[in-house]
Amino acid sequence: MKPALRTFRTVGSRVARIFGHIPPRKACLLLLALTLLLKIILVLAAGTGFDYHSDDREYLRSARILLEQGVLTYNDPSRPTAFITPAYPGFLALVLKAVGTDGIRAAQAARILQAIMITAALWLLYRLGSRLFSERVALLAVLLCSLYPPLWLISNLLFTESLFILALFLLLAAALRAEDKPTLGHALAFGLAWAAAVYVRPTIALWPGLFFLLLAGRRRIPFGRLLRCGLAAALVFALCLAPWWVRNERVSGGEFIPLTKSSGNPLLLGTYPWTVPALFLDEQRTWHATDNLWVNDELDTRHAVERLKDGFTHRFWVYASWYTVGKFLLFWGDVFYWLPLPGIPLPVAVAAHYLLLIPGFIGLYRSRRSRDAVTLISLLGYFSLLHMIYLSHSRYALPLMPLVILFAASVFAERFSSRQAKGAVPKP
């Protein structure tokens, strides 16, 4: 662990020296251009080695069927699905249409586009950090994100995370802009960003309601104007989601499905205290007596409720600790590094994670009185609580790590400034 920490710090200090004498904004653009180039080189050299043979294969198959037949499916290609939202399969379908239906070529093209998405999200992180702290803290945050191996890995895996990270930062940017200038136009932009993020990953759906409550509590915006803007954003959101609702009602035989019909399985997976799904994989194979996902979801929900009732009745403290401390620790403490990057073993990724996570939470606490920081903390808290109810997973926490890293950068910058100040004091 210690050699990994030294390596991480050495690389960071060398890069910092290279960019130290360039204006922060220009340095950030140069850093992002350099890391994007390196990510594209990685894709071209080793991208095919990041086929995980899991959700990525299913997404590619869904995209191909969507392109050829106009039907959204998942896992079962013979039935329309309401178990995933259409944004990521739609993105892959556009890639297939542009480069051809060859799976390898399409996957490589998607990986390059995902590297661009992560780069764009880090630029938004820089702007957010400049607003919240300073340009130099923001630049340090981008640098630290550029050294964080899981963010490199996720752009190479055909999962929803890269697209969601970009959508999440666009939503945050729209939220802060709407708070600064609560006009109808900014409310409409917020509604569009909200809908786009939900189409990528529906778990974000309720956070705008929490943001509205924050704005109401701050009383910076007259309540009448806040209510009008909130209703306008909600109307745009509803109009954008309406085609999805109509489609789901049609394929489900009349059931109203506002987001997805996939809560049963993550709810059930989360009922196994102080463990992870991989450790009870054999049992999972016995759960379903049918290949119909619609039936399986109902059975999973029923089974989950039974397990929760039994667990909280007969093993109360085990389940109570799991649904509080346990899931929180797993959500944030586990490291998303399912496949190693060339030359970067797992201990380096683990060291980088904790080197950033712990100072990040310290920075969150220190910034708790800042209005914008509270907005970000509400988002982190929202996802933490959500996944303490359902399945807690490092993959679901990864899109939030750039925000945690931003607060870690503020702690590092403060410590560096303190050392500089001490060094500048003349000795008696």
Protein backbone atom coordinates (compact mmCIF):
# COMPACT_ATOMS: atom_id res chain seq x y z
CA MET A 1 0.00 0.00 0.00
CA LYS A 2 2.79 2.44 0.91
CA PRO A 3 4.65 2.07 -2.44
CA ALA A 4 1.33 2.66 -4.22
CA LEU A 5 0.76 5.83 -2.19
CA ARG A 6 4.27 7.06 -3.01
CA THR A 7 3.70 6.37 -6.69
CA PHE A 8 0.39 8.23 -6.69
CA ARG A 9 1.90 11.23 -4.90
CA THR A 10 5.01 11.29 -7.10
CA VAL A 11 3.00 11.27 -10.32
CA GLY A 12 0.70 13.95 -8.95
CA SER A 13 3.55 16.23 -7.87
CA ARG A 14 5.35 15.90 -11.19
CA VAL A 15 2.23 16.73 -13.18
CA ALA A 16 1.55 19.63 -10.81
CA ARG A 17 5.02 21.04 -11.45
CA ILE A 18 4.52 20.80 -15.20
CA PHE A 19 1.25 22.75 -15.08
CA GLY A 20 2.10 24.94 -12.08
CA HIS A 21 3.17 28.04 -14.03
CA ILE A 22 0.29 28.02 -16.54
CA PRO A 23 -2.99 29.89 -15.85
CA PRO A 24 -5.40 27.39 -14.25
CA ARG A 25 -8.03 27.49 -17.01
CA LYS A 26 -5.47 26.91 -19.74
CA ALA A 27 -3.70 24.26 -17.66
CA CYS A 28 -7.01 22.44 -17.17
CA LEU A 29 -7.70 22.39 -20.91
CA LEU A 30 -4.19 21.11 -21.62
CA LEU A 31 -4.52 18.44 -18.93
CA LEU A 32 -7.87 17.29 -20.28
CA ALA A 33 -6.53 17.20 -23.84
CA LEU A 34 -3.52 15.16 -22.72
CA THR A 35 -5.56 12.65 -20.72
CA LEU A 36 -8.10 12.31 -23.51
CA LEU A 37 -5.29 11.52 -25.94
CA LEU A 38 -3.90 8.91 -23.56
CA LYS A 39 -7.35 7.38 -23.09
CA ILE A 40 -7.85 7.11 -26.84
CA ILE A 41 -4.42 5.46 -27.16
CA LEU A 42 -5.44 3.03 -24.41
CA VAL A 43 -8.67 2.20 -26.26
CA LEU A 44 -6.83 1.59 -29.52
CA ALA A 45 -4.15 -0.50 -27.83
CA ALA A 46 -6.15 -2.50 -25.31
CA GLY A 47 -9.82 -1.59 -25.60
CA THR A 48 -10.95 -5.06 -26.67
CA GLY A 49 -9.53 -6.41 -23.43
CA PHE A 50 -12.22 -4.56 -21.49
CA ASP A 51 -15.09 -6.73 -22.65
CA TYR A 52 -16.65 -7.77 -19.34
CA HIS A 53 -19.09 -10.32 -20.86
CA SER A 54 -21.90 -9.03 -18.67
CA ASP A 55 -24.13 -5.96 -18.97
CA ASP A 56 -21.94 -4.71 -21.81
CA ARG A 57 -22.89 -7.65 -24.02
CA GLU A 58 -26.56 -7.19 -23.19
CA TYR A 59 -26.43 -3.47 -23.99
CA LEU A 60 -24.78 -4.14 -27.34
CA ARG A 61 -27.39 -6.76 -28.21
CA SER A 62 -30.17 -4.41 -27.12
CA ALA A 63 -28.68 -1.65 -29.26
CA ARG A 64 -28.50 -3.90 -32.30
CA ILE A 65 -32.13 -5.02 -31.91
CA LEU A 66 -33.21 -1.42 -31.31
CA LEU A 67 -31.44 -0.33 -34.50
CA GLU A 68 -32.72 -3.17 -36.66
CA GLN A 69 -36.23 -3.70 -35.26
CA GLY A 70 -36.99 -0.52 -33.34
CA VAL A 71 -37.74 -2.54 -30.18
CA LEU A 72 -36.06 -1.99 -26.81
CA THR A 73 -35.16 -5.33 -25.24
CA TYR A 74 -32.83 -6.55 -22.51
CA ASN A 75 -31.70 -10.05 -21.48
CA ASP A 76 -34.66 -11.57 -23.33
CA PRO A 77 -34.50 -10.44 -26.98
CA SER A 78 -37.95 -11.89 -27.70
CA ARG A 79 -39.81 -9.46 -25.41
CA PRO A 80 -39.89 -5.66 -25.12
CA THR A 81 -38.46 -4.56 -21.80
CA ALA A 82 -39.19 -1.94 -19.20
CA PHE A 83 -36.24 -3.03 -17.06
CA ILE A 84 -33.80 -0.48 -18.46
CA THR A 85 -34.18 3.08 -19.72
CA PRO A 86 -33.45 3.68 -23.42
CA ALA A 87 -30.69 6.31 -23.37
CA TYR A 88 -27.63 4.06 -23.25
CA PRO A 89 -28.91 1.44 -25.73
CA GLY A 90 -29.95 4.37 -27.93
CA PHE A 91 -26.43 5.80 -27.72
CA LEU A 92 -24.94 2.45 -28.72
CA ALA A 93 -27.48 2.09 -31.52
CA LEU A 94 -26.34 5.44 -32.94
CA VAL A 95 -22.74 4.23 -32.77
CA LEU A 96 -23.70 1.03 -34.59
CA LYS A 97 -25.49 3.05 -37.25
CA ALA A 98 -22.47 5.30 -37.73
CA VAL A 99 -19.68 2.71 -37.84
CA GLY A 100 -21.52 -0.46 -38.85
CA THR A 101 -22.83 -3.44 -36.94
CA ASP A 102 -19.43 -5.04 -36.38
CA GLY A 103 -19.39 -5.49 -32.61
CA ILE A 104 -15.68 -4.89 -32.02
CA ARG A 105 -15.51 -1.73 -34.11
CA ALA A 106 -18.68 -0.35 -32.55
CA ALA A 107 -17.44 -1.10 -29.03
CA GLN A 108 -14.14 0.66 -29.72
CA ALA A 109 -15.94 3.70 -31.13
CA ALA A 110 -18.22 3.77 -28.06
CA ARG A 111 -15.19 3.64 -25.76
CA ILE A 112 -13.63 6.64 -27.48
CA LEU A 113 -16.90 8.57 -27.19
CA GLN A 114 -17.13 7.62 -23.52
CA ALA A 115 -13.62 8.97 -22.95
CA ILE A 116 -14.83 12.23 -24.47
CA MET A 117 -17.86 12.17 -22.14
CA ILE A 118 -15.65 11.78 -19.06
CA THR A 119 -13.43 14.60 -20.33
CA ALA A 120 -16.44 16.89 -20.79
CA ALA A 121 -17.69 16.00 -17.30
CA LEU A 122 -14.30 16.89 -15.81
CA TRP A 123 -14.44 20.26 -17.53
CA LEU A 124 -17.80 20.82 -15.85
CA LEU A 125 -16.18 19.72 -12.59
CA TYR A 126 -13.52 22.40 -13.12
CA ARG A 127 -16.19 25.06 -13.56
CA LEU A 128 -18.03 23.79 -10.50
CA GLY A 129 -14.84 23.78 -8.42
CA SER A 130 -13.96 27.29 -9.56
CA ARG A 131 -17.36 28.45 -8.37
CA LEU A 132 -17.23 26.61 -5.06
CA PHE A 133 -13.57 27.12 -4.12
CA SER A 134 -11.06 28.58 -6.59
CA GLU A 135 -9.59 27.89 -10.01
CA ARG A 136 -6.51 26.30 -8.49
CA VAL A 137 -8.56 23.97 -6.30
CA ALA A 138 -10.66 23.10 -9.35
CA LEU A 139 -7.54 22.37 -11.39
CA LEU A 140 -6.21 20.15 -8.60
CA ALA A 141 -9.53 18.28 -8.53
CA VAL A 142 -9.33 17.63 -12.28
CA LEU A 143 -5.73 16.48 -11.88
CA LEU A 144 -6.68 14.08 -9.09
CA CYS A 145 -9.61 12.73 -11.13
CA SER A 146 -7.20 12.24 -14.01
CA LEU A 147 -5.03 10.08 -11.74
CA TYR A 148 -7.95 8.06 -10.35
CA PRO A 149 -7.83 4.63 -12.07
CA PRO A 150 -11.56 3.71 -11.80
CA LEU A 151 -12.49 6.75 -13.92
CA TRP A 152 -10.13 5.50 -16.61
CA LEU A 153 -11.58 2.02 -16.36
CA ILE A 154 -15.22 3.04 -16.61
CA SER A 155 -14.74 4.82 -19.93
CA ASN A 156 -13.51 1.51 -21.35
CA LEU A 157 -16.41 -0.58 -20.07
CA LEU A 158 -19.70 -0.46 -21.97
CA PHE A 159 -21.76 0.42 -18.92
CA THR A 160 -24.05 3.39 -18.34
CA GLU A 161 -21.67 5.19 -15.98
CA SER A 162 -19.77 7.35 -18.48
CA LEU A 163 -22.96 8.73 -20.00
CA PHE A 164 -24.49 9.18 -16.56
CA ILE A 165 -21.48 11.06 -15.18
CA LEU A 166 -21.85 13.59 -17.99
CA ALA A 167 -25.63 13.79 -17.54
CA LEU A 168 -25.22 14.23 -13.78
CA PHE A 169 -22.80 17.15 -14.15
CA LEU A 170 -25.04 18.78 -16.73
CA LEU A 171 -27.91 18.47 -14.25
CA LEU A 172 -25.82 20.03 -11.49
CA ALA A 173 -24.76 22.88 -13.78
CA ALA A 174 -28.39 23.50 -14.75
CA ALA A 175 -29.46 23.40 -11.08
CA LEU A 176 -26.89 25.98 -9.96
CA ARG A 177 -27.66 28.21 -12.94
CA ALA A 178 -31.38 28.03 -12.16
CA GLU A 179 -30.71 28.98 -8.54
CA ASP A 180 -28.54 31.95 -9.56
CA LYS A 181 -31.04 33.20 -12.12
CA PRO A 182 -34.50 31.68 -11.50
CA THR A 183 -35.91 32.49 -14.93
CA LEU A 184 -38.33 30.43 -16.97
CA GLY A 185 -35.61 29.62 -19.49
CA HIS A 186 -33.28 28.24 -16.84
CA ALA A 187 -36.16 26.26 -15.32
CA LEU A 188 -36.87 24.70 -18.71
CA ALA A 189 -33.17 23.85 -19.13
CA PHE A 190 -33.20 22.23 -15.70
CA GLY A 191 -36.26 20.16 -16.65
CA LEU A 192 -34.52 18.97 -19.82
CA ALA A 193 -31.34 18.04 -17.93
CA TRP A 194 -33.45 16.24 -15.32
CA ALA A 195 -35.23 14.18 -17.97
CA ALA A 196 -31.98 13.38 -19.78
CA ALA A 197 -30.36 12.14 -16.57
CA VAL A 198 -33.39 9.97 -15.74
CA TYR A 199 -33.35 8.44 -19.22
CA VAL A 200 -29.76 7.35 -18.52
CA ARG A 201 -30.20 6.22 -14.93
CA PRO A 202 -33.63 6.52 -13.27
CA THR A 203 -32.28 6.53 -9.71
CA ILE A 204 -31.67 10.30 -10.03
CA ALA A 205 -35.40 10.95 -10.50
CA LEU A 206 -36.28 12.24 -7.01
CA TRP A 207 -33.23 14.40 -6.28
CA PRO A 208 -34.68 17.52 -8.01
CA GLY A 209 -37.50 17.40 -5.47
CA LEU A 210 -34.92 17.53 -2.68
CA PHE A 211 -33.20 20.42 -4.47
CA PHE A 212 -36.53 22.27 -4.63
CA LEU A 213 -36.92 21.85 -0.86
CA LEU A 214 -33.42 23.23 -0.34
CA LEU A 215 -34.27 26.29 -2.42
CA ALA A 216 -37.52 26.80 -0.50
CA GLY A 217 -35.67 26.56 2.80
CA ARG A 218 -33.02 29.09 1.76
CA ARG A 219 -35.67 31.71 0.91
CA ARG A 220 -33.36 33.45 -1.54
CA ILE A 221 -35.96 33.13 -4.28
CA PRO A 222 -39.50 34.49 -3.74
CA PHE A 223 -41.70 31.47 -3.20
CA GLY A 224 -44.10 32.44 -6.00
CA ARG A 225 -41.29 32.57 -8.53
CA LEU A 226 -39.76 29.36 -7.17
CA LEU A 227 -43.11 27.59 -7.48
CA ARG A 228 -43.60 28.81 -11.07
CA CYS A 229 -40.10 27.72 -12.08
CA GLY A 230 -40.51 24.40 -10.30
CA LEU A 231 -43.78 23.70 -12.09
CA ALA A 232 -42.22 24.67 -15.43
CA ALA A 233 -39.30 22.27 -14.86
CA ALA A 234 -41.69 19.51 -13.78
CA LEU A 235 -43.85 20.09 -16.86
CA VAL A 236 -40.85 19.81 -19.19
CA PHE A 237 -39.77 16.67 -17.37
CA ALA A 238 -43.25 15.14 -17.70
CA LEU A 239 -43.46 16.00 -21.41
CA CYS A 240 -40.06 14.41 -22.03
CA LEU A 241 -40.98 11.26 -20.07
CA ALA A 242 -44.51 10.98 -21.51
CA PRO A 243 -43.45 8.91 -24.58
CA TRP A 244 -41.71 6.49 -22.23
CA TRP A 245 -44.80 6.20 -20.03
CA VAL A 246 -47.06 5.56 -23.03
CA ARG A 247 -44.66 2.99 -24.43
CA ASN A 248 -44.37 1.18 -21.07
CA GLU A 249 -48.13 1.04 -20.64
CA ARG A 250 -48.43 -0.50 -24.10
CA VAL A 251 -45.74 -3.18 -23.65
CA SER A 252 -46.87 -4.05 -20.10
CA GLY A 253 -50.52 -4.50 -20.97
CA GLY A 254 -51.81 -1.40 -19.21
CA GLU A 255 -49.49 -1.00 -16.21
CA PHE A 256 -48.18 2.49 -15.42
CA ILE A 257 -44.37 2.28 -15.13
CA PRO A 258 -42.95 5.76 -14.54
CA LEU A 259 -39.28 4.75 -14.60
CA THR A 260 -38.36 1.07 -14.85
CA LYS A 261 -39.73 -2.22 -13.54
CA SER A 262 -36.45 -3.46 -12.12
CA SER A 263 -36.57 -2.70 -8.41
CA GLY A 264 -37.25 -6.26 -7.27
CA ASN A 265 -33.82 -7.72 -7.96
CA PRO A 266 -31.69 -4.93 -6.39
CA LEU A 267 -34.07 -4.88 -3.42
CA LEU A 268 -33.60 -8.62 -2.96
CA LEU A 269 -29.83 -8.51 -3.48
CA GLY A 270 -29.62 -5.92 -0.74
CA THR A 271 -31.29 -8.17 1.85
CA TYR A 272 -28.19 -10.34 2.37
CA PRO A 273 -26.47 -8.70 5.36
CA TRP A 274 -22.76 -7.95 5.42
CA THR A 275 -21.97 -9.59 2.11
CA VAL A 276 -21.92 -8.95 -1.63
CA PRO A 277 -23.93 -10.69 -4.39
CA ALA A 278 -20.90 -12.56 -5.74
CA LEU A 279 -20.72 -14.55 -2.51
CA PHE A 280 -24.19 -16.04 -2.91
CA LEU A 281 -24.12 -16.48 -6.68
CA ASP A 282 -25.07 -20.16 -6.53
CA GLU A 283 -28.20 -19.33 -4.56
CA GLN A 284 -29.17 -16.63 -7.05
CA ARG A 285 -29.32 -19.25 -9.80
CA THR A 286 -32.14 -21.00 -7.93
CA TRP A 287 -34.36 -17.94 -7.54
CA HIS A 288 -36.17 -17.98 -10.87
CA ALA A 289 -38.24 -20.85 -12.19
CA THR A 290 -39.16 -18.88 -15.32
CA ASP A 291 -37.31 -16.85 -17.96
CA ASN A 292 -39.98 -14.14 -17.89
CA LEU A 293 -38.37 -11.06 -16.31
CA TRP A 294 -41.74 -9.49 -15.56
CA VAL A 295 -42.74 -12.48 -13.44
CA ASN A 296 -39.28 -12.71 -11.87
CA ASP A 297 -39.39 -9.09 -10.72
CA GLU A 298 -42.63 -9.70 -8.83
CA LEU A 299 -41.19 -12.83 -7.24
CA ASP A 300 -37.98 -11.00 -6.28
CA THR A 301 -39.96 -8.22 -4.60
CA ARG A 302 -42.09 -10.71 -2.67
CA HIS A 303 -39.03 -12.70 -1.61
CA ALA A 304 -37.23 -9.50 -0.53
CA VAL A 305 -40.14 -8.38 1.64
CA GLU A 306 -40.28 -11.81 3.28
CA ARG A 307 -36.54 -11.74 4.00
CA LEU A 308 -36.77 -8.24 5.47
CA LYS A 309 -39.65 -9.19 7.76
CA ASP A 310 -37.86 -12.33 8.93
CA GLY A 311 -34.48 -10.58 9.28
CA PHE A 312 -35.68 -7.62 11.30
CA THR A 313 -37.77 -9.94 13.47
CA HIS A 314 -35.21 -12.62 14.29
CA ARG A 315 -31.86 -10.87 13.64
CA PHE A 316 -32.73 -7.27 14.30
CA TRP A 317 -29.28 -5.91 15.10
CA VAL A 318 -27.64 -7.69 12.18
CA TYR A 319 -30.14 -6.22 9.73
CA ALA A 320 -30.28 -2.82 11.45
CA SER A 321 -26.48 -2.47 11.28
CA TRP A 322 -26.43 -3.68 7.67
CA TYR A 323 -29.10 -1.21 6.52
CA THR A 324 -27.24 1.68 8.16
CA VAL A 325 -23.50 1.36 8.67
CA GLY A 326 -22.88 -1.71 6.51
CA LYS A 327 -24.35 -0.52 3.26
CA PHE A 328 -22.88 2.95 3.69
CA LEU A 329 -19.39 1.48 4.15
CA LEU A 330 -19.83 -0.82 1.16
CA PHE A 331 -21.18 1.93 -1.06
CA TRP A 332 -18.27 4.27 -0.44
CA GLY A 333 -15.54 1.92 0.77
CA ASP A 334 -15.53 -0.65 -2.01
CA VAL A 335 -13.39 0.23 -5.02
CA PHE A 336 -14.72 -0.09 -8.56
CA TYR A 337 -11.79 -1.77 -10.29
CA TRP A 338 -13.19 -4.91 -11.83
CA LEU A 339 -10.51 -5.18 -14.53
CA PRO A 340 -6.94 -3.86 -14.16
CA LEU A 341 -5.58 -1.14 -16.39
CA PRO A 342 -2.22 -1.95 -17.99
CA GLY A 343 0.52 -1.45 -15.41
CA ILE A 344 -1.87 -0.40 -12.61
CA PRO A 345 -2.55 -3.26 -10.17
CA LEU A 346 -5.45 -3.33 -7.75
CA PRO A 347 -3.45 -2.07 -4.71
CA VAL A 348 -2.70 1.18 -6.56
CA ALA A 349 -6.38 1.72 -7.33
CA VAL A 350 -7.33 0.93 -3.71
CA ALA A 351 -4.68 3.32 -2.38
CA ALA A 352 -5.82 6.08 -4.73
CA HIS A 353 -9.42 5.56 -3.67
CA TYR A 354 -8.79 5.94 0.06
CA LEU A 355 -6.23 8.68 -0.42
CA LEU A 356 -9.05 10.69 -2.01
CA LEU A 357 -12.11 9.37 -0.18
CA ILE A 358 -11.04 10.17 3.38
CA PRO A 359 -9.89 13.75 2.70
CA GLY A 360 -12.98 14.14 0.53
CA PHE A 361 -15.30 13.44 3.44
CA ILE A 362 -13.23 15.75 5.63
CA GLY A 363 -13.67 18.45 3.00
CA LEU A 364 -17.40 17.79 2.85
CA TYR A 365 -17.68 18.35 6.58
CA ARG A 366 -15.59 21.52 6.50
CA SER A 367 -17.69 22.94 3.66
CA ARG A 368 -21.06 22.15 5.22
CA ARG A 369 -21.92 25.85 5.69
CA SER A 370 -21.42 26.70 2.02
CA ARG A 371 -24.69 26.96 0.06
CA ASP A 372 -23.34 25.27 -3.07
CA ALA A 373 -21.58 22.61 -1.00
CA VAL A 374 -24.88 21.76 0.69
CA THR A 375 -26.41 21.22 -2.75
CA LEU A 376 -23.67 18.73 -3.59
CA ILE A 377 -23.90 17.11 -0.16
CA SER A 378 -27.65 16.64 -0.70
CA LEU A 379 -26.89 14.74 -3.90
CA LEU A 380 -24.30 12.52 -2.21
CA GLY A 381 -26.63 11.91 0.72
CA TYR A 382 -29.56 11.16 -1.57
CA PHE A 383 -27.69 8.39 -3.39
CA SER A 384 -26.22 7.04 -0.16
CA LEU A 385 -29.68 6.67 1.39
CA LEU A 386 -31.18 5.25 -1.80
CA HIS A 387 -28.59 2.49 -1.99
CA MET A 388 -28.92 1.74 1.70
CA ILE A 389 -32.45 0.66 0.80
CA TYR A 390 -31.54 -1.24 -2.35
CA LEU A 391 -28.29 -2.84 -3.50
CA SER A 392 -25.17 -1.03 -2.34
CA HIS A 393 -22.43 -1.17 -4.96
CA SER A 394 -19.14 0.58 -5.76
CA ARG A 395 -20.21 0.92 -9.38
CA TYR A 396 -23.16 3.06 -8.33
CA ALA A 397 -20.93 5.31 -6.23
CA LEU A 398 -18.37 5.90 -8.98
CA PRO A 399 -20.29 8.73 -10.75
CA LEU A 400 -20.23 10.62 -7.43
CA MET A 401 -16.50 10.24 -6.82
CA PRO A 402 -15.47 13.34 -8.85
CA LEU A 403 -17.51 15.42 -6.40
CA VAL A 404 -15.82 13.76 -3.43
CA ILE A 405 -12.46 14.33 -5.11
CA LEU A 406 -13.30 18.03 -5.48
CA PHE A 407 -13.68 18.32 -1.71
CA ALA A 408 -10.47 16.31 -1.23
CA ALA A 409 -8.70 18.83 -3.46
CA SER A 410 -9.91 21.64 -1.21
CA VAL A 411 -8.34 19.90 1.80
CA PHE A 412 -5.05 19.31 -0.02
CA ALA A 413 -4.95 22.90 -1.25
CA GLU A 414 -5.63 24.24 2.23
CA ARG A 415 -2.89 22.09 3.72
CA PHE A 416 -0.43 23.15 1.01
CA SER A 417 -1.25 26.82 1.58
CA SER A 418 -0.79 26.36 5.32
CA ARG A 419 2.65 24.84 4.78
CA GLN A 420 3.62 27.64 2.45
CA ALA A 421 2.51 30.21 5.00
CA LYS A 422 4.56 28.56 7.73
CA GLY A 423 7.58 28.44 5.45
CA ALA A 424 7.24 32.14 4.69
CA VAL A 425 7.40 33.16 8.36
CA PRO A 426 10.96 34.33 9.15
CA LYS A 427 12.70 32.49 11.94
CA PRO A 428 13.41 34.55 15.08
